[in-house]
């Protein structure tokens, strides 16, 4: 089964970048990841891309925006469940 990951970059804890590096070194094939962050660091998107990010979102974002990113990353045959209103 193919793996996908959503990571939050939080500077006070183990960085999402650190976790991404560990995941990518422990897997045989790259794991598509979506990074979320509140950071305004200019190199964030570049660093995320270097680590294999399939997408990234800067907080705050709308739930629909994140769902759209997830849909873009998932295989089209996989159904994404929508939150109930």
Protein backbone atom coordinates (compact mmCIF):
# COMPACT_ATOMS: atom_id res chain seq x y z
CA UNK A 1 0.00 0.00 0.00
CA UNK A 2 1.33 3.39 -0.97
CA UNK A 3 2.04 5.78 1.89
CA UNK A 4 1.34 9.50 2.08
CA UNK A 5 2.07 11.91 4.90
CA UNK A 6 0.91 15.33 6.08
CA UNK A 7 3.50 17.10 8.23
CA UNK A 8 3.21 20.25 10.30
CA UNK A 9 6.36 22.30 10.65
CA UNK A 10 6.49 23.51 14.26
CA UNK A 11 9.79 25.12 15.27
CA UNK A 12 9.52 24.42 19.03
CA UNK A 13 9.17 20.65 18.53
CA UNK A 14 10.85 18.17 16.23
CA UNK A 15 10.69 19.98 12.91
CA UNK A 16 8.50 18.56 10.17
CA UNK A 17 11.64 18.75 8.05
CA UNK A 18 13.50 16.49 10.49
CA UNK A 19 10.62 14.00 10.49
CA UNK A 20 10.47 14.11 6.67
CA UNK A 21 14.20 13.41 6.41
CA UNK A 22 13.84 10.39 8.74
CA UNK A 23 10.85 9.03 6.81
CA UNK A 24 12.57 9.41 3.44
CA UNK A 25 15.72 7.65 4.67
CA UNK A 26 13.73 4.74 6.14
CA UNK A 27 11.59 4.00 3.08
CA UNK A 28 12.53 2.29 -0.15
CA UNK A 29 10.47 4.62 -2.30
CA UNK A 30 9.82 8.32 -1.65
CA UNK A 31 6.70 9.07 0.40
CA UNK A 32 4.59 11.94 -0.97
CA UNK A 33 4.22 14.54 1.79
CA UNK A 34 2.15 17.65 2.32
CA UNK A 35 3.70 20.23 4.62
CA UNK A 36 1.67 22.75 6.61
CA UNK A 37 3.25 25.66 8.46
CA UNK A 38 2.66 29.03 10.04
CA UNK A 39 6.28 29.93 9.32
CA UNK A 40 7.02 32.92 7.10
CA UNK A 41 10.55 31.67 6.38
CA UNK A 42 11.41 32.46 2.74
CA UNK A 43 13.05 29.07 2.08
CA UNK A 44 10.21 26.94 3.45
CA UNK A 45 8.71 25.84 0.11
CA UNK A 46 12.16 25.19 -1.39
CA UNK A 47 13.21 23.03 1.59
CA UNK A 48 9.88 21.16 1.56
CA UNK A 49 10.28 20.48 -2.16
CA UNK A 50 13.84 19.21 -1.64
CA UNK A 51 12.48 16.72 0.91
CA UNK A 52 9.93 15.39 -1.54
CA UNK A 53 6.91 17.53 -0.72
CA UNK A 54 4.02 16.86 -3.05
CA UNK A 55 2.36 20.01 -1.71
CA UNK A 56 2.53 22.66 0.99
CA UNK A 57 0.11 25.06 2.65
CA UNK A 58 0.78 28.12 4.75
CA UNK A 59 -1.51 28.68 7.73
CA UNK A 60 -4.14 29.86 8.02
CA UNK A 61 -5.81 28.00 5.19
CA UNK A 62 -9.35 26.89 4.52
CA UNK A 63 -10.18 23.21 4.99
CA UNK A 64 -11.24 23.08 1.35
CA UNK A 65 -7.78 24.25 0.28
CA UNK A 66 -6.09 21.46 2.22
CA UNK A 67 -8.58 18.93 0.86
CA UNK A 68 -7.82 20.10 -2.68
CA UNK A 69 -4.10 19.61 -2.04
CA UNK A 70 -4.76 16.13 -0.67
CA UNK A 71 -6.85 15.30 -3.75
CA UNK A 72 -3.99 16.45 -5.99
CA UNK A 73 -1.59 14.11 -4.18
CA UNK A 74 -3.83 11.06 -3.93
CA UNK A 75 -4.31 8.56 -6.69
CA UNK A 76 -7.47 9.56 -8.60
CA UNK A 77 -9.02 6.17 -7.79
CA UNK A 78 -8.84 6.88 -4.04
CA UNK A 79 -11.91 8.60 -2.64
CA UNK A 80 -11.37 11.48 -0.20
CA UNK A 81 -14.13 11.69 2.40
CA UNK A 82 -15.61 15.15 2.73
CA UNK A 83 -16.32 16.52 6.24
CA UNK A 84 -20.02 16.70 7.03
CA UNK A 85 -21.43 20.21 7.26
